[in-house]
Amino acid sequence: MLKILFVCTGNTCRSPMAASLFQNELKSNPLPYSVDVSSAGLVAIEGSRIAKPVKALLADRGIGNFLGHRAVQLGKNMVEDSDLIFVMTVDQLHHLRSLFPEAEGKAYLLTDYASNGEIIRDIEDPYGGEFENYRESLEEIHNWIKKIMLKLKGGHQHEVGSGQ
C-alpha cells in the first residue's frame, strides 16, 4: 500500500483540498495498487474545521469525503508511516525537513513532484481571502493532482531518495 500525506500550514484549506481531490481522482481513475491518503498541518489547531469556502467548493464538485474533516497536527509517526509527502510551499518543505529529518527523500513540493519543466511555484494559502482565491487554489491543486496521478500510473510509485 502506498501512503500519501498532504501537508499545509493549518490543515483547513490546501491539504484537505488536495487529499479530497486525490481520493476523488482515485475513484474515477484507480491506480494499480492500494493507496491511503491523509492530510495534516505543520502548525494545525487540532480539531479546527475545514474552511467554509473549501467545504462549499468540494460540495459543488460532489466531493463529500472531507466535509467532516478536523485539522490534525503533523507528527513524527505520520511522517515515518508515509511513503510520499506533498507540501504546498518551499518554506513548508524546509520546515518539514527541519522538524522531521526522516522526511528526506519522500517529501516534495506538490508542484515539483510531477513537473515536466513547468515553472515550479508555491500554492498560495487562500485562508482569509476572497472566495475566488479558494477557487483558484482548488483548481491549481487539482491540476497538479492529475499530473501526480499520471506519474504514479506510469510506474513511479515514488522515487525514494530524490525528494526535492
N, C-alpha and C. Protein backbone atom coordinates (compact mmCIF):
# COMPACT_ATOMS: atom_id res chain seq x y z
N MET A 1 0.85 -1.18 0.00
CA MET A 1 0.00 0.00 0.00
C MET A 1 0.89 1.24 0.00
N LEU A 2 0.53 2.19 -0.85
CA LEU A 2 1.22 3.47 -0.92
C LEU A 2 0.50 4.45 0.00
N LYS A 3 1.24 5.04 0.93
CA LYS A 3 0.65 6.00 1.87
C LYS A 3 1.09 7.41 1.49
N ILE A 4 0.10 8.23 1.15
CA ILE A 4 0.35 9.61 0.71
C ILE A 4 -0.19 10.57 1.75
N LEU A 5 0.63 11.55 2.10
CA LEU A 5 0.26 12.55 3.09
C LEU A 5 0.39 13.94 2.46
N PHE A 6 -0.67 14.72 2.52
CA PHE A 6 -0.66 16.11 2.06
C PHE A 6 -0.55 17.01 3.28
N VAL A 7 0.37 17.99 3.20
CA VAL A 7 0.64 18.86 4.35
C VAL A 7 0.56 20.32 3.92
N CYS A 8 -0.09 21.12 4.76
CA CYS A 8 -0.07 22.58 4.59
C CYS A 8 0.15 23.18 5.97
N THR A 9 -0.19 24.43 6.13
CA THR A 9 0.06 25.09 7.41
C THR A 9 -0.91 24.64 8.49
N GLY A 10 -2.20 24.90 8.28
CA GLY A 10 -3.18 24.65 9.34
C GLY A 10 -4.08 23.46 9.14
N ASN A 11 -3.98 22.79 7.98
CA ASN A 11 -4.80 21.62 7.66
C ASN A 11 -6.29 21.95 7.62
N THR A 12 -6.60 23.18 7.14
CA THR A 12 -8.01 23.56 6.98
C THR A 12 -8.34 23.98 5.55
N CYS A 13 -7.33 24.13 4.70
CA CYS A 13 -7.59 24.57 3.32
C CYS A 13 -6.90 23.66 2.30
N ARG A 14 -5.62 23.94 2.04
CA ARG A 14 -4.94 23.31 0.92
C ARG A 14 -4.74 21.81 1.07
N SER A 15 -4.25 21.34 2.21
CA SER A 15 -4.01 19.89 2.33
C SER A 15 -5.30 19.07 2.34
N PRO A 16 -6.39 19.53 3.00
CA PRO A 16 -7.62 18.75 2.87
C PRO A 16 -8.19 18.81 1.45
N MET A 17 -8.00 19.95 0.76
CA MET A 17 -8.43 20.02 -0.64
C MET A 17 -7.67 18.99 -1.46
N ALA A 18 -6.35 18.96 -1.29
CA ALA A 18 -5.52 18.04 -2.07
C ALA A 18 -5.89 16.59 -1.77
N ALA A 19 -6.06 16.25 -0.51
CA ALA A 19 -6.41 14.87 -0.15
C ALA A 19 -7.78 14.49 -0.72
N SER A 20 -8.73 15.40 -0.63
CA SER A 20 -10.08 15.14 -1.16
C SER A 20 -10.05 14.96 -2.67
N LEU A 21 -9.34 15.85 -3.35
CA LEU A 21 -9.25 15.76 -4.81
C LEU A 21 -8.53 14.48 -5.24
N PHE A 22 -7.48 14.12 -4.51
CA PHE A 22 -6.76 12.90 -4.84
C PHE A 22 -7.66 11.68 -4.66
N GLN A 23 -8.37 11.61 -3.55
CA GLN A 23 -9.28 10.48 -3.32
C GLN A 23 -10.38 10.43 -4.37
N ASN A 24 -10.87 11.58 -4.77
CA ASN A 24 -11.90 11.63 -5.81
C ASN A 24 -11.35 11.14 -7.15
N GLU A 25 -10.12 11.53 -7.47
CA GLU A 25 -9.48 11.05 -8.70
C GLU A 25 -9.30 9.53 -8.66
N LEU A 26 -8.97 9.00 -7.50
CA LEU A 26 -8.79 7.55 -7.37
C LEU A 26 -10.07 6.78 -7.69
N LYS A 27 -11.22 7.38 -7.38
CA LYS A 27 -12.50 6.72 -7.65
C LYS A 27 -12.72 6.54 -9.15
N SER A 28 -12.42 7.57 -9.92
CA SER A 28 -12.67 7.51 -11.36
C SER A 28 -11.46 7.02 -12.15
N ASN A 29 -10.30 7.03 -11.55
CA ASN A 29 -9.07 6.70 -12.25
C ASN A 29 -8.15 5.93 -11.30
N PRO A 30 -8.53 4.71 -10.90
CA PRO A 30 -7.77 4.00 -9.86
C PRO A 30 -6.35 3.64 -10.29
N LEU A 31 -5.48 3.59 -9.30
CA LEU A 31 -4.11 3.15 -9.52
C LEU A 31 -4.07 1.63 -9.39
N PRO A 32 -3.04 0.98 -9.93
CA PRO A 32 -2.98 -0.48 -9.89
C PRO A 32 -2.52 -1.04 -8.54
N TYR A 33 -2.56 -0.24 -7.50
CA TYR A 33 -2.20 -0.68 -6.16
C TYR A 33 -3.03 0.15 -5.18
N SER A 34 -3.14 -0.31 -3.96
CA SER A 34 -3.96 0.42 -2.99
C SER A 34 -3.20 1.65 -2.47
N VAL A 35 -3.98 2.67 -2.15
CA VAL A 35 -3.43 3.95 -1.71
C VAL A 35 -4.20 4.43 -0.49
N ASP A 36 -3.46 4.88 0.50
CA ASP A 36 -4.05 5.51 1.69
C ASP A 36 -3.69 6.98 1.63
N VAL A 37 -4.68 7.85 1.72
CA VAL A 37 -4.48 9.30 1.59
C VAL A 37 -4.90 9.98 2.88
N SER A 38 -4.04 10.88 3.37
CA SER A 38 -4.38 11.65 4.56
C SER A 38 -3.79 13.06 4.44
N SER A 39 -4.10 13.90 5.43
CA SER A 39 -3.58 15.26 5.43
C SER A 39 -3.30 15.70 6.86
N ALA A 40 -2.43 16.71 6.98
CA ALA A 40 -2.06 17.24 8.29
C ALA A 40 -1.52 18.65 8.11
N GLY A 41 -1.35 19.34 9.23
CA GLY A 41 -0.82 20.70 9.21
C GLY A 41 0.45 20.82 10.02
N LEU A 42 1.34 21.68 9.56
CA LEU A 42 2.59 21.92 10.29
C LEU A 42 2.35 22.65 11.60
N VAL A 43 1.36 23.53 11.62
CA VAL A 43 1.00 24.27 12.84
C VAL A 43 -0.51 24.29 12.99
N ALA A 44 -1.10 23.12 12.90
CA ALA A 44 -2.56 22.99 12.96
C ALA A 44 -3.08 23.21 14.37
N ILE A 45 -4.26 23.77 14.45
CA ILE A 45 -5.00 23.83 15.70
C ILE A 45 -5.91 22.61 15.67
N GLU A 46 -5.52 21.60 16.44
CA GLU A 46 -6.24 20.31 16.44
C GLU A 46 -7.75 20.51 16.55
N GLY A 47 -8.46 19.85 15.67
CA GLY A 47 -9.92 19.86 15.72
C GLY A 47 -10.58 20.99 14.96
N SER A 48 -9.79 21.93 14.41
CA SER A 48 -10.39 23.02 13.63
C SER A 48 -11.11 22.45 12.43
N ARG A 49 -12.21 23.10 12.08
CA ARG A 49 -13.00 22.66 10.92
C ARG A 49 -12.37 23.14 9.61
N ILE A 50 -12.71 22.44 8.56
CA ILE A 50 -12.29 22.84 7.23
C ILE A 50 -12.89 24.23 6.94
N ALA A 51 -12.15 25.07 6.22
CA ALA A 51 -12.63 26.41 5.91
C ALA A 51 -13.93 26.33 5.11
N LYS A 52 -14.88 27.21 5.42
CA LYS A 52 -16.20 27.17 4.77
C LYS A 52 -16.13 27.24 3.25
N PRO A 53 -15.27 28.11 2.66
CA PRO A 53 -15.20 28.11 1.19
C PRO A 53 -14.69 26.78 0.62
N VAL A 54 -13.79 26.13 1.32
CA VAL A 54 -13.29 24.82 0.88
C VAL A 54 -14.44 23.81 0.90
N LYS A 55 -15.18 23.82 1.97
CA LYS A 55 -16.34 22.92 2.10
C LYS A 55 -17.32 23.15 0.95
N ALA A 56 -17.60 24.41 0.65
CA ALA A 56 -18.54 24.73 -0.44
C ALA A 56 -18.00 24.29 -1.79
N LEU A 57 -16.73 24.54 -2.05
CA LEU A 57 -16.14 24.17 -3.34
C LEU A 57 -16.11 22.66 -3.52
N LEU A 58 -15.76 21.93 -2.48
CA LEU A 58 -15.75 20.47 -2.58
C LEU A 58 -17.16 19.93 -2.77
N ALA A 59 -18.12 20.49 -2.04
CA ALA A 59 -19.52 20.05 -2.18
C ALA A 59 -20.03 20.32 -3.59
N ASP A 60 -19.64 21.46 -4.18
CA ASP A 60 -20.04 21.78 -5.56
C ASP A 60 -19.54 20.74 -6.55
N ARG A 61 -18.44 20.10 -6.23
CA ARG A 61 -17.87 19.07 -7.10
C ARG A 61 -18.37 17.67 -6.73
N GLY A 62 -19.26 17.61 -5.76
CA GLY A 62 -19.79 16.32 -5.33
C GLY A 62 -18.82 15.53 -4.47
N ILE A 63 -17.85 16.23 -3.89
CA ILE A 63 -16.86 15.58 -3.04
C ILE A 63 -17.26 15.79 -1.59
N GLY A 64 -17.66 14.72 -0.95
CA GLY A 64 -18.11 14.84 0.43
C GLY A 64 -17.24 14.12 1.43
N ASN A 65 -16.14 13.50 0.95
CA ASN A 65 -15.33 12.67 1.83
C ASN A 65 -14.57 13.45 2.90
N PHE A 66 -14.47 14.76 2.78
CA PHE A 66 -13.73 15.54 3.78
C PHE A 66 -14.59 16.62 4.41
N LEU A 67 -15.89 16.58 4.20
CA LEU A 67 -16.74 17.64 4.73
C LEU A 67 -16.78 17.64 6.26
N GLY A 68 -16.54 16.51 6.89
CA GLY A 68 -16.47 16.44 8.34
C GLY A 68 -15.04 16.53 8.87
N HIS A 69 -14.13 16.92 8.00
CA HIS A 69 -12.70 16.99 8.34
C HIS A 69 -12.43 17.88 9.55
N ARG A 70 -11.51 17.43 10.38
CA ARG A 70 -10.99 18.22 11.51
C ARG A 70 -9.47 18.27 11.37
N ALA A 71 -8.90 19.43 11.63
CA ALA A 71 -7.46 19.62 11.48
C ALA A 71 -6.67 18.69 12.39
N VAL A 72 -5.55 18.22 11.85
CA VAL A 72 -4.65 17.32 12.57
C VAL A 72 -3.25 17.91 12.52
N GLN A 73 -2.57 17.91 13.64
CA GLN A 73 -1.18 18.36 13.72
C GLN A 73 -0.27 17.25 13.20
N LEU A 74 0.64 17.61 12.31
CA LEU A 74 1.61 16.65 11.79
C LEU A 74 2.49 16.13 12.92
N GLY A 75 2.70 14.83 12.93
CA GLY A 75 3.54 14.21 13.95
C GLY A 75 4.56 13.27 13.32
N LYS A 76 5.54 12.91 14.11
CA LYS A 76 6.63 12.06 13.64
C LYS A 76 6.12 10.73 13.08
N ASN A 77 5.15 10.11 13.75
CA ASN A 77 4.62 8.83 13.27
C ASN A 77 4.00 8.96 11.89
N MET A 78 3.32 10.08 11.65
CA MET A 78 2.71 10.30 10.33
C MET A 78 3.79 10.38 9.26
N VAL A 79 4.85 11.09 9.56
CA VAL A 79 5.96 11.23 8.61
C VAL A 79 6.61 9.88 8.36
N GLU A 80 6.91 9.17 9.43
CA GLU A 80 7.55 7.86 9.29
C GLU A 80 6.69 6.87 8.52
N ASP A 81 5.38 6.92 8.71
CA ASP A 81 4.47 5.97 8.07
C ASP A 81 4.15 6.30 6.62
N SER A 82 4.48 7.49 6.18
CA SER A 82 4.13 7.92 4.82
C SER A 82 5.22 7.54 3.82
N ASP A 83 4.77 7.22 2.60
CA ASP A 83 5.70 6.95 1.50
C ASP A 83 5.98 8.21 0.71
N LEU A 84 4.97 9.03 0.54
CA LEU A 84 5.08 10.30 -0.18
C LEU A 84 4.42 11.38 0.65
N ILE A 85 5.09 12.51 0.77
CA ILE A 85 4.55 13.65 1.50
C ILE A 85 4.61 14.85 0.56
N PHE A 86 3.47 15.49 0.35
CA PHE A 86 3.41 16.66 -0.52
C PHE A 86 3.07 17.90 0.29
N VAL A 87 3.90 18.93 0.15
CA VAL A 87 3.67 20.21 0.81
C VAL A 87 3.32 21.25 -0.25
N MET A 88 2.82 22.39 0.19
CA MET A 88 2.33 23.40 -0.73
C MET A 88 3.33 24.51 -1.03
N THR A 89 4.32 24.71 -0.17
CA THR A 89 5.29 25.79 -0.38
C THR A 89 6.71 25.30 -0.09
N VAL A 90 7.67 26.01 -0.66
CA VAL A 90 9.07 25.71 -0.41
C VAL A 90 9.39 25.88 1.08
N ASP A 91 8.86 26.94 1.68
CA ASP A 91 9.09 27.15 3.12
C ASP A 91 8.57 25.97 3.95
N GLN A 92 7.41 25.44 3.57
CA GLN A 92 6.87 24.28 4.29
C GLN A 92 7.78 23.07 4.13
N LEU A 93 8.35 22.91 2.94
CA LEU A 93 9.25 21.79 2.70
C LEU A 93 10.47 21.89 3.62
N HIS A 94 11.05 23.08 3.70
CA HIS A 94 12.21 23.28 4.58
C HIS A 94 11.83 23.08 6.05
N HIS A 95 10.67 23.60 6.43
CA HIS A 95 10.20 23.47 7.81
C HIS A 95 9.97 21.99 8.15
N LEU A 96 9.32 21.28 7.26
CA LEU A 96 9.06 19.86 7.46
C LEU A 96 10.37 19.09 7.66
N ARG A 97 11.33 19.35 6.78
CA ARG A 97 12.61 18.64 6.87
C ARG A 97 13.40 19.01 8.12
N SER A 98 13.26 20.24 8.58
CA SER A 98 13.97 20.62 9.80
C SER A 98 13.34 19.96 11.04
N LEU A 99 12.02 19.84 11.04
CA LEU A 99 11.33 19.18 12.16
C LEU A 99 11.49 17.66 12.13
N PHE A 100 11.47 17.12 10.91
CA PHE A 100 11.46 15.66 10.74
C PHE A 100 12.49 15.26 9.68
N PRO A 101 13.74 15.06 10.07
CA PRO A 101 14.77 14.67 9.09
C PRO A 101 14.41 13.40 8.33
N GLU A 102 13.57 12.55 8.94
CA GLU A 102 13.16 11.31 8.27
C GLU A 102 12.27 11.56 7.05
N ALA A 103 11.86 12.80 6.84
CA ALA A 103 11.06 13.15 5.65
C ALA A 103 11.93 13.25 4.40
N GLU A 104 13.22 13.36 4.59
CA GLU A 104 14.14 13.47 3.46
C GLU A 104 13.94 12.28 2.52
N GLY A 105 13.83 12.56 1.24
CA GLY A 105 13.68 11.51 0.25
C GLY A 105 12.25 11.11 -0.04
N LYS A 106 11.31 11.62 0.76
CA LYS A 106 9.90 11.31 0.47
C LYS A 106 9.00 12.53 0.56
N ALA A 107 9.57 13.67 0.85
CA ALA A 107 8.80 14.92 0.92
C ALA A 107 9.09 15.76 -0.31
N TYR A 108 8.03 16.27 -0.92
CA TYR A 108 8.14 17.02 -2.16
C TYR A 108 7.23 18.24 -2.13
N LEU A 109 7.63 19.24 -2.85
CA LEU A 109 6.73 20.35 -3.16
C LEU A 109 5.71 19.80 -4.16
N LEU A 110 4.44 19.99 -3.90
CA LEU A 110 3.38 19.45 -4.76
C LEU A 110 3.62 19.78 -6.23
N THR A 111 4.02 21.01 -6.50
CA THR A 111 4.18 21.44 -7.89
C THR A 111 5.49 20.95 -8.52
N ASP A 112 6.35 20.35 -7.74
CA ASP A 112 7.64 19.89 -8.27
C ASP A 112 7.63 18.41 -8.61
N TYR A 113 6.91 17.61 -7.85
CA TYR A 113 6.96 16.16 -7.98
C TYR A 113 6.66 15.68 -9.40
N ALA A 114 5.63 16.22 -10.02
CA ALA A 114 5.23 15.75 -11.35
C ALA A 114 5.46 16.81 -12.42
N SER A 115 6.35 17.72 -12.15
CA SER A 115 6.62 18.80 -13.10
C SER A 115 7.32 18.26 -14.34
N ASN A 116 6.93 18.78 -15.47
CA ASN A 116 7.59 18.47 -16.73
C ASN A 116 8.19 19.74 -17.32
N GLY A 117 8.97 20.42 -16.53
CA GLY A 117 9.60 21.64 -16.99
C GLY A 117 8.79 22.89 -16.74
N GLU A 118 7.60 22.73 -16.13
CA GLU A 118 6.82 23.91 -15.80
C GLU A 118 7.55 24.70 -14.72
N ILE A 119 7.21 25.97 -14.63
CA ILE A 119 7.79 26.80 -13.58
C ILE A 119 7.23 26.32 -12.25
N ILE A 120 8.12 26.00 -11.34
CA ILE A 120 7.72 25.50 -10.03
C ILE A 120 7.41 26.69 -9.13
N ARG A 121 6.26 26.62 -8.48
CA ARG A 121 5.90 27.72 -7.59
C ARG A 121 5.08 27.20 -6.43
N ASP A 122 5.00 28.02 -5.42
CA ASP A 122 4.19 27.69 -4.26
C ASP A 122 2.70 27.73 -4.61
N ILE A 123 1.92 26.96 -3.90
CA ILE A 123 0.47 27.09 -3.96
C ILE A 123 0.09 27.98 -2.78
N GLU A 124 -0.32 29.18 -3.12
CA GLU A 124 -0.57 30.19 -2.10
C GLU A 124 -1.74 29.80 -1.19
N ASP A 125 -1.65 30.24 0.04
CA ASP A 125 -2.68 29.95 1.03
C ASP A 125 -3.86 30.89 0.83
N PRO A 126 -5.05 30.35 0.53
CA PRO A 126 -6.21 31.22 0.33
C PRO A 126 -6.86 31.66 1.63
N TYR A 127 -6.41 31.13 2.75
CA TYR A 127 -7.09 31.35 4.03
C TYR A 127 -7.30 32.84 4.30
N GLY A 128 -8.55 33.20 4.56
CA GLY A 128 -8.90 34.59 4.85
C GLY A 128 -9.10 35.45 3.63
N GLY A 129 -8.87 34.88 2.44
CA GLY A 129 -9.04 35.64 1.21
C GLY A 129 -10.45 35.56 0.67
N GLU A 130 -10.62 36.07 -0.53
CA GLU A 130 -11.91 36.04 -1.22
C GLU A 130 -12.21 34.61 -1.69
N PHE A 131 -13.48 34.34 -1.93
CA PHE A 131 -13.90 33.03 -2.41
C PHE A 131 -13.13 32.64 -3.66
N GLU A 132 -12.88 33.60 -4.53
CA GLU A 132 -12.15 33.33 -5.77
C GLU A 132 -10.74 32.82 -5.49
N ASN A 133 -10.10 33.29 -4.42
CA ASN A 133 -8.77 32.79 -4.05
C ASN A 133 -8.82 31.30 -3.74
N TYR A 134 -9.87 30.89 -3.05
CA TYR A 134 -10.04 29.47 -2.74
C TYR A 134 -10.27 28.66 -4.01
N ARG A 135 -11.08 29.20 -4.91
CA ARG A 135 -11.36 28.51 -6.17
C ARG A 135 -10.07 28.34 -6.98
N GLU A 136 -9.28 29.40 -7.04
CA GLU A 136 -8.01 29.33 -7.78
C GLU A 136 -7.08 28.29 -7.17
N SER A 137 -6.99 28.26 -5.86
CA SER A 137 -6.14 27.26 -5.19
C SER A 137 -6.63 25.86 -5.49
N LEU A 138 -7.94 25.65 -5.42
CA LEU A 138 -8.50 24.34 -5.70
C LEU A 138 -8.19 23.90 -7.13
N GLU A 139 -8.36 24.80 -8.08
CA GLU A 139 -8.09 24.46 -9.48
C GLU A 139 -6.61 24.14 -9.70
N GLU A 140 -5.75 24.93 -9.09
CA GLU A 140 -4.32 24.69 -9.22
C GLU A 140 -3.93 23.35 -8.58
N ILE A 141 -4.43 23.10 -7.40
CA ILE A 141 -4.15 21.82 -6.73
C ILE A 141 -4.67 20.66 -7.56
N HIS A 142 -5.88 20.79 -8.10
CA HIS A 142 -6.46 19.71 -8.91
C HIS A 142 -5.61 19.43 -10.14
N ASN A 143 -5.12 20.47 -10.78
CA ASN A 143 -4.24 20.32 -11.93
C ASN A 143 -3.01 19.49 -11.56
N TRP A 144 -2.40 19.79 -10.43
CA TRP A 144 -1.20 19.05 -10.01
C TRP A 144 -1.54 17.64 -9.54
N ILE A 145 -2.68 17.45 -8.94
CA ILE A 145 -3.10 16.11 -8.52
C ILE A 145 -3.22 15.20 -9.75
N LYS A 146 -3.80 15.72 -10.82
CA LYS A 146 -3.94 14.92 -12.05
C LYS A 146 -2.56 14.54 -12.61
N LYS A 147 -1.61 15.46 -12.54
CA LYS A 147 -0.25 15.17 -13.01
C LYS A 147 0.43 14.13 -12.13
N ILE A 148 0.22 14.23 -10.84
CA ILE A 148 0.79 13.23 -9.92
C ILE A 148 0.20 11.86 -10.20
N MET A 149 -1.11 11.81 -10.44
CA MET A 149 -1.77 10.54 -10.76
C MET A 149 -1.15 9.92 -12.02
N LEU A 150 -0.91 10.74 -13.03
CA LEU A 150 -0.28 10.23 -14.26
C LEU A 150 1.10 9.68 -13.97
N LYS A 151 1.87 10.38 -13.17
CA LYS A 151 3.21 9.90 -12.82
C LYS A 151 3.13 8.59 -12.06
N LEU A 152 2.22 8.49 -11.11
CA LEU A 152 2.08 7.25 -10.34
C LEU A 152 1.60 6.11 -11.22
N LYS A 153 0.74 6.40 -12.17
CA LYS A 153 0.27 5.36 -13.10
C LYS A 153 1.40 4.88 -14.00
N GLY A 154 2.36 5.77 -14.24
CA GLY A 154 3.49 5.43 -15.10
C GLY A 154 4.51 4.53 -14.42
N GLY A 155 4.20 4.05 -13.23
CA GLY A 155 5.09 3.12 -12.56
C GLY A 155 6.02 3.76 -11.56
N HIS A 156 5.92 5.05 -11.39
CA HIS A 156 6.79 5.75 -10.44
C HIS A 156 6.06 5.90 -9.12
N GLN A 157 5.85 4.79 -8.43
CA GLN A 157 5.12 4.87 -7.15
C GLN A 157 5.71 5.96 -6.30
N HIS A 158 6.96 5.94 -6.13
CA HIS A 158 7.68 7.04 -5.51
C HIS A 158 9.17 6.81 -5.74
N GLU A 159 9.88 7.90 -5.80
CA GLU A 159 11.31 7.83 -6.06
C GLU A 159 12.03 8.15 -4.76
N VAL A 160 12.17 7.14 -3.94
CA VAL A 160 12.79 7.33 -2.64
C VAL A 160 14.21 7.86 -2.83
N GLY A 161 14.52 8.86 -2.04
CA GLY A 161 15.86 9.41 -2.07
C GLY A 161 16.02 10.62 -2.94
N SER A 162 14.98 11.00 -3.69
CA SER A 162 15.12 12.14 -4.58
C SER A 162 14.19 13.29 -4.23
N GLY A 163 13.68 13.32 -3.01
CA GLY A 163 12.79 14.40 -2.60
C GLY A 163 13.43 15.75 -2.79
N GLN A 164 12.77 16.59 -3.53
CA GLN A 164 13.35 17.90 -3.87
C GLN A 164 13.18 18.86 -2.76
